[in-house]
Amino acid sequence: MTVTFVTPRRAAYAGLALLLLAACLFVSGPWWQAVVFGLAPDLPLLGGLSHDLRRGQLHPRAVPFYNALHTFVAPALVGLAFVLLGLSPLGPLAWALHIAFDRTLGYGLRTRDGFQRS
């Protein structure tokens, strides 16, 4: 059994997650946006399931999609586009919240062969 302690990096992500949660609660917009954008980053996990993988491994075919959806650049660009188009940024904020929450729990990007990066 390994004991995981809160690192300064994970604490910073927790603070970011709290700020993003507050922003999501403050910004008005369609509730479905928060649900769809909040859950969508994990859709590659479904495509990365396979019976011949080791525990915790994501199929390599899904890794590029998973990693692309778990960087803060993507929701920032989509959020900017939404603001410029006059749309509610609730969805991209929920997406960024998803990423920050994952990082708080210690989940990050994947290596080429589908394991968590250390």
N, C-alpha and C. Protein backbone atom coordinates (compact mmCIF):
# COMPACT_ATOMS: atom_id res chain seq x y z
N MET A 1 0.84 -1.18 0.00
CA MET A 1 0.00 0.00 0.00
C MET A 1 0.89 1.24 0.00
N THR A 2 0.61 2.16 -0.89
CA THR A 2 1.38 3.40 -0.92
C THR A 2 0.56 4.52 -0.31
N VAL A 3 1.23 5.37 0.41
CA VAL A 3 0.58 6.51 1.03
C VAL A 3 0.90 7.74 0.19
N THR A 4 -0.13 8.43 -0.23
CA THR A 4 0.07 9.62 -1.04
C THR A 4 -0.20 10.85 -0.17
N PHE A 5 0.78 11.72 -0.14
CA PHE A 5 0.64 12.95 0.61
C PHE A 5 0.28 14.08 -0.33
N VAL A 6 -0.32 15.09 0.21
CA VAL A 6 -0.66 16.26 -0.59
C VAL A 6 0.63 17.01 -0.89
N THR A 7 0.90 17.17 -2.15
CA THR A 7 2.08 17.91 -2.57
C THR A 7 1.68 19.35 -2.83
N PRO A 8 2.63 20.29 -2.85
CA PRO A 8 2.30 21.67 -3.16
C PRO A 8 1.62 21.81 -4.53
N ARG A 9 2.03 20.99 -5.48
CA ARG A 9 1.43 21.05 -6.82
C ARG A 9 -0.04 20.63 -6.76
N ARG A 10 -0.33 19.54 -6.05
CA ARG A 10 -1.71 19.08 -5.94
C ARG A 10 -2.57 20.07 -5.15
N ALA A 11 -1.98 20.71 -4.15
CA ALA A 11 -2.70 21.72 -3.39
C ALA A 11 -3.02 22.93 -4.28
N ALA A 12 -2.09 23.29 -5.15
CA ALA A 12 -2.34 24.40 -6.09
C ALA A 12 -3.47 24.04 -7.05
N TYR A 13 -3.47 22.80 -7.53
CA TYR A 13 -4.57 22.36 -8.40
C TYR A 13 -5.90 22.36 -7.65
N ALA A 14 -5.88 22.01 -6.38
CA ALA A 14 -7.11 22.05 -5.58
C ALA A 14 -7.63 23.48 -5.48
N GLY A 15 -6.70 24.42 -5.27
CA GLY A 15 -7.10 25.83 -5.23
C GLY A 15 -7.67 26.29 -6.56
N LEU A 16 -7.03 25.88 -7.64
CA LEU A 16 -7.55 26.21 -8.97
C LEU A 16 -8.92 25.60 -9.19
N ALA A 17 -9.10 24.35 -8.75
CA ALA A 17 -10.41 23.69 -8.89
C ALA A 17 -11.49 24.46 -8.13
N LEU A 18 -11.16 24.95 -6.94
CA LEU A 18 -12.13 25.73 -6.17
C LEU A 18 -12.48 27.04 -6.88
N LEU A 19 -11.47 27.70 -7.46
CA LEU A 19 -11.74 28.93 -8.21
C LEU A 19 -12.61 28.65 -9.44
N LEU A 20 -12.32 27.57 -10.14
CA LEU A 20 -13.11 27.23 -11.32
C LEU A 20 -14.52 26.82 -10.94
N LEU A 21 -14.69 26.13 -9.81
CA LEU A 21 -16.02 25.78 -9.34
C LEU A 21 -16.81 27.05 -9.02
N ALA A 22 -16.17 28.00 -8.36
CA ALA A 22 -16.83 29.27 -8.06
C ALA A 22 -17.22 29.99 -9.35
N ALA A 23 -16.33 29.97 -10.34
CA ALA A 23 -16.63 30.60 -11.63
C ALA A 23 -17.82 29.92 -12.30
N CYS A 24 -17.85 28.58 -12.24
CA CYS A 24 -18.98 27.84 -12.83
C CYS A 24 -20.30 28.20 -12.15
N LEU A 25 -20.26 28.39 -10.85
CA LEU A 25 -21.48 28.75 -10.12
C LEU A 25 -21.88 30.20 -10.37
N PHE A 26 -20.91 31.04 -10.67
CA PHE A 26 -21.16 32.46 -10.89
C PHE A 26 -21.65 32.75 -12.31
N VAL A 27 -21.10 32.04 -13.29
CA VAL A 27 -21.41 32.28 -14.69
C VAL A 27 -22.76 31.63 -15.03
N SER A 28 -23.59 32.38 -15.70
CA SER A 28 -24.87 31.79 -16.12
C SER A 28 -24.69 31.16 -17.49
N GLY A 29 -25.45 30.14 -17.70
CA GLY A 29 -25.40 29.43 -18.97
C GLY A 29 -26.23 28.18 -18.89
N PRO A 30 -26.40 27.51 -20.02
CA PRO A 30 -27.20 26.29 -20.01
C PRO A 30 -26.53 25.19 -19.19
N TRP A 31 -27.29 24.59 -18.30
CA TRP A 31 -26.75 23.56 -17.40
C TRP A 31 -26.15 22.39 -18.17
N TRP A 32 -26.73 22.08 -19.33
CA TRP A 32 -26.24 20.94 -20.11
C TRP A 32 -24.80 21.16 -20.56
N GLN A 33 -24.43 22.45 -20.76
CA GLN A 33 -23.04 22.74 -21.15
C GLN A 33 -22.07 22.25 -20.09
N ALA A 34 -22.40 22.53 -18.83
CA ALA A 34 -21.52 22.12 -17.73
C ALA A 34 -21.42 20.59 -17.67
N VAL A 35 -22.53 19.91 -17.89
CA VAL A 35 -22.54 18.45 -17.83
C VAL A 35 -21.74 17.86 -18.99
N VAL A 36 -22.03 18.31 -20.21
CA VAL A 36 -21.37 17.75 -21.39
C VAL A 36 -19.87 18.05 -21.38
N PHE A 37 -19.51 19.31 -21.17
CA PHE A 37 -18.09 19.69 -21.17
C PHE A 37 -17.36 19.13 -19.95
N GLY A 38 -18.07 18.92 -18.85
CA GLY A 38 -17.44 18.37 -17.65
C GLY A 38 -17.15 16.88 -17.75
N LEU A 39 -17.97 16.17 -18.53
CA LEU A 39 -17.78 14.72 -18.67
C LEU A 39 -17.02 14.33 -19.93
N ALA A 40 -17.09 15.13 -20.96
CA ALA A 40 -16.50 14.78 -22.26
C ALA A 40 -15.00 14.45 -22.23
N PRO A 41 -14.19 15.09 -21.40
CA PRO A 41 -12.76 14.75 -21.43
C PRO A 41 -12.45 13.29 -21.12
N ASP A 42 -13.36 12.60 -20.47
CA ASP A 42 -13.11 11.20 -20.15
C ASP A 42 -13.68 10.23 -21.18
N LEU A 43 -14.28 10.72 -22.25
CA LEU A 43 -14.79 9.84 -23.29
C LEU A 43 -13.70 8.96 -23.92
N PRO A 44 -12.47 9.45 -24.10
CA PRO A 44 -11.43 8.56 -24.63
C PRO A 44 -11.15 7.35 -23.75
N LEU A 45 -11.51 7.42 -22.48
CA LEU A 45 -11.34 6.26 -21.61
C LEU A 45 -12.19 5.09 -22.10
N LEU A 46 -13.38 5.40 -22.60
CA LEU A 46 -14.25 4.34 -23.12
C LEU A 46 -13.64 3.70 -24.36
N GLY A 47 -13.05 4.51 -25.23
CA GLY A 47 -12.40 3.98 -26.42
C GLY A 47 -11.08 3.30 -26.13
N GLY A 48 -10.58 3.53 -24.92
CA GLY A 48 -9.29 2.95 -24.56
C GLY A 48 -9.39 1.71 -23.71
N LEU A 49 -10.60 1.19 -23.54
CA LEU A 49 -10.77 -0.04 -22.76
C LEU A 49 -10.44 -1.25 -23.62
N SER A 50 -9.79 -2.20 -23.02
CA SER A 50 -9.46 -3.44 -23.71
C SER A 50 -9.12 -4.49 -22.67
N HIS A 51 -9.42 -5.73 -22.96
CA HIS A 51 -9.19 -6.80 -22.00
C HIS A 51 -7.71 -7.19 -21.88
N ASP A 52 -6.89 -6.79 -22.84
CA ASP A 52 -5.49 -7.21 -22.82
C ASP A 52 -4.54 -6.15 -22.28
N LEU A 53 -5.05 -5.21 -21.49
CA LEU A 53 -4.23 -4.15 -20.92
C LEU A 53 -3.94 -4.42 -19.45
N ARG A 54 -2.86 -3.85 -18.97
CA ARG A 54 -2.53 -3.97 -17.55
C ARG A 54 -3.37 -2.99 -16.75
N ARG A 55 -3.45 -3.22 -15.45
CA ARG A 55 -4.24 -2.37 -14.57
C ARG A 55 -3.76 -0.92 -14.67
N GLY A 56 -4.70 0.00 -14.90
CA GLY A 56 -4.38 1.41 -14.99
C GLY A 56 -3.92 1.87 -16.36
N GLN A 57 -3.81 0.93 -17.29
CA GLN A 57 -3.33 1.28 -18.63
C GLN A 57 -4.49 1.63 -19.54
N LEU A 58 -4.30 2.65 -20.34
CA LEU A 58 -5.25 3.07 -21.37
C LEU A 58 -4.70 2.59 -22.70
N HIS A 59 -5.56 2.13 -23.57
CA HIS A 59 -5.08 1.64 -24.86
C HIS A 59 -4.33 2.76 -25.58
N PRO A 60 -3.17 2.48 -26.17
CA PRO A 60 -2.38 3.51 -26.85
C PRO A 60 -3.13 4.28 -27.93
N ARG A 61 -4.14 3.67 -28.56
CA ARG A 61 -4.90 4.38 -29.59
C ARG A 61 -5.70 5.55 -29.01
N ALA A 62 -6.03 5.49 -27.71
CA ALA A 62 -6.83 6.53 -27.08
C ALA A 62 -5.98 7.62 -26.41
N VAL A 63 -4.70 7.36 -26.24
CA VAL A 63 -3.83 8.29 -25.50
C VAL A 63 -3.79 9.70 -26.12
N PRO A 64 -3.61 9.85 -27.44
CA PRO A 64 -3.56 11.21 -27.98
C PRO A 64 -4.84 12.00 -27.72
N PHE A 65 -5.99 11.33 -27.79
CA PHE A 65 -7.26 12.01 -27.54
C PHE A 65 -7.41 12.36 -26.07
N TYR A 66 -7.05 11.42 -25.21
CA TYR A 66 -7.11 11.66 -23.77
C TYR A 66 -6.22 12.84 -23.39
N ASN A 67 -4.98 12.82 -23.85
CA ASN A 67 -4.04 13.89 -23.51
C ASN A 67 -4.49 15.24 -24.06
N ALA A 68 -5.01 15.26 -25.28
CA ALA A 68 -5.48 16.52 -25.88
C ALA A 68 -6.63 17.11 -25.07
N LEU A 69 -7.49 16.26 -24.54
CA LEU A 69 -8.64 16.75 -23.77
C LEU A 69 -8.31 17.04 -22.32
N HIS A 70 -7.09 16.72 -21.90
CA HIS A 70 -6.69 16.96 -20.51
C HIS A 70 -5.55 17.97 -20.38
N THR A 71 -5.49 18.91 -21.30
CA THR A 71 -4.57 20.05 -21.17
C THR A 71 -5.42 21.31 -21.03
N PHE A 72 -4.92 22.28 -20.31
CA PHE A 72 -5.68 23.50 -20.08
C PHE A 72 -5.76 24.39 -21.32
N VAL A 73 -4.91 24.14 -22.30
CA VAL A 73 -4.92 24.95 -23.52
C VAL A 73 -6.25 24.81 -24.25
N ALA A 74 -6.74 23.59 -24.36
CA ALA A 74 -7.97 23.34 -25.12
C ALA A 74 -9.18 24.09 -24.54
N PRO A 75 -9.50 23.97 -23.24
CA PRO A 75 -10.65 24.71 -22.73
C PRO A 75 -10.42 26.23 -22.75
N ALA A 76 -9.16 26.66 -22.63
CA ALA A 76 -8.89 28.10 -22.70
C ALA A 76 -9.21 28.64 -24.09
N LEU A 77 -8.80 27.92 -25.12
CA LEU A 77 -9.08 28.37 -26.49
C LEU A 77 -10.57 28.31 -26.82
N VAL A 78 -11.22 27.24 -26.40
CA VAL A 78 -12.66 27.13 -26.64
C VAL A 78 -13.41 28.20 -25.85
N GLY A 79 -12.98 28.44 -24.63
CA GLY A 79 -13.61 29.49 -23.81
C GLY A 79 -13.45 30.86 -24.44
N LEU A 80 -12.26 31.15 -24.95
CA LEU A 80 -12.03 32.43 -25.64
C LEU A 80 -12.94 32.55 -26.86
N ALA A 81 -13.04 31.47 -27.62
CA ALA A 81 -13.92 31.49 -28.80
C ALA A 81 -15.37 31.71 -28.37
N PHE A 82 -15.81 31.07 -27.30
CA PHE A 82 -17.18 31.25 -26.82
C PHE A 82 -17.43 32.71 -26.44
N VAL A 83 -16.49 33.30 -25.72
CA VAL A 83 -16.65 34.71 -25.30
C VAL A 83 -16.70 35.62 -26.52
N LEU A 84 -15.81 35.39 -27.48
CA LEU A 84 -15.80 36.22 -28.69
C LEU A 84 -17.08 36.07 -29.51
N LEU A 85 -17.69 34.89 -29.43
CA LEU A 85 -18.94 34.65 -30.16
C LEU A 85 -20.18 35.05 -29.34
N GLY A 86 -19.96 35.53 -28.13
CA GLY A 86 -21.07 35.95 -27.29
C GLY A 86 -21.80 34.80 -26.61
N LEU A 87 -21.14 33.66 -26.50
CA LEU A 87 -21.74 32.49 -25.85
C LEU A 87 -21.26 32.39 -24.41
N SER A 88 -22.01 31.67 -23.61
CA SER A 88 -21.64 31.46 -22.22
C SER A 88 -20.39 30.57 -22.13
N PRO A 89 -19.40 30.96 -21.32
CA PRO A 89 -18.20 30.13 -21.17
C PRO A 89 -18.36 29.05 -20.11
N LEU A 90 -19.59 28.74 -19.71
CA LEU A 90 -19.81 27.75 -18.65
C LEU A 90 -19.21 26.39 -19.02
N GLY A 91 -19.42 25.94 -20.24
CA GLY A 91 -18.89 24.64 -20.66
C GLY A 91 -17.38 24.56 -20.57
N PRO A 92 -16.65 25.49 -21.18
CA PRO A 92 -15.19 25.44 -21.06
C PRO A 92 -14.70 25.59 -19.61
N LEU A 93 -15.42 26.34 -18.78
CA LEU A 93 -15.03 26.43 -17.37
C LEU A 93 -15.20 25.07 -16.68
N ALA A 94 -16.28 24.36 -17.00
CA ALA A 94 -16.50 23.03 -16.43
C ALA A 94 -15.44 22.06 -16.92
N TRP A 95 -15.03 22.20 -18.16
CA TRP A 95 -13.96 21.37 -18.73
C TRP A 95 -12.66 21.59 -17.96
N ALA A 96 -12.31 22.86 -17.75
CA ALA A 96 -11.09 23.19 -17.00
C ALA A 96 -11.20 22.69 -15.55
N LEU A 97 -12.40 22.77 -14.98
CA LEU A 97 -12.62 22.26 -13.62
C LEU A 97 -12.35 20.75 -13.58
N HIS A 98 -12.82 20.04 -14.58
CA HIS A 98 -12.57 18.59 -14.68
C HIS A 98 -11.07 18.31 -14.64
N ILE A 99 -10.32 19.05 -15.44
CA ILE A 99 -8.87 18.84 -15.52
C ILE A 99 -8.21 19.15 -14.17
N ALA A 100 -8.58 20.28 -13.57
CA ALA A 100 -8.00 20.67 -12.28
C ALA A 100 -8.33 19.64 -11.20
N PHE A 101 -9.55 19.13 -11.21
CA PHE A 101 -9.94 18.11 -10.23
C PHE A 101 -9.13 16.83 -10.44
N ASP A 102 -8.98 16.42 -11.69
CA ASP A 102 -8.14 15.24 -11.98
C ASP A 102 -6.73 15.42 -11.44
N ARG A 103 -6.15 16.58 -11.68
CA ARG A 103 -4.78 16.85 -11.22
C ARG A 103 -4.71 16.86 -9.70
N THR A 104 -5.77 17.37 -9.06
CA THR A 104 -5.82 17.36 -7.59
C THR A 104 -5.77 15.94 -7.06
N LEU A 105 -6.45 15.02 -7.77
CA LEU A 105 -6.46 13.62 -7.35
C LEU A 105 -5.22 12.86 -7.76
N GLY A 106 -4.34 13.50 -8.52
CA GLY A 106 -3.09 12.87 -8.93
C GLY A 106 -3.13 12.26 -10.32
N TYR A 107 -4.22 12.47 -11.06
CA TYR A 107 -4.30 11.96 -12.43
C TYR A 107 -3.77 13.01 -13.38
N GLY A 108 -2.88 12.59 -14.26
CA GLY A 108 -2.31 13.52 -15.21
C GLY A 108 -2.36 12.96 -16.62
N LEU A 109 -1.48 13.45 -17.44
CA LEU A 109 -1.41 12.99 -18.81
C LEU A 109 -0.85 11.58 -18.86
N ARG A 110 -1.03 10.92 -19.99
CA ARG A 110 -0.62 9.53 -20.15
C ARG A 110 0.64 9.44 -21.01
N THR A 111 1.41 8.39 -20.76
CA THR A 111 2.56 8.11 -21.62
C THR A 111 2.05 7.47 -22.91
N ARG A 112 2.94 7.32 -23.87
CA ARG A 112 2.57 6.73 -25.16
C ARG A 112 1.91 5.36 -25.02
N ASP A 113 2.40 4.59 -24.05
CA ASP A 113 1.85 3.24 -23.90
C ASP A 113 0.63 3.20 -22.96
N GLY A 114 0.14 4.37 -22.53
CA GLY A 114 -1.14 4.44 -21.83
C GLY A 114 -1.10 4.48 -20.32
N PHE A 115 0.06 4.60 -19.72
CA PHE A 115 0.15 4.68 -18.26
C PHE A 115 0.23 6.13 -17.82
N GLN A 116 -0.13 6.37 -16.55
CA GLN A 116 -0.02 7.71 -15.99
C GLN A 116 1.45 8.15 -15.99
N ARG A 117 1.67 9.40 -16.39
CA ARG A 117 3.03 9.95 -16.29
C ARG A 117 3.35 10.21 -14.84
N SER A 118 4.61 10.03 -14.49
CA SER A 118 4.98 10.31 -13.10
C SER A 118 5.48 11.71 -12.91
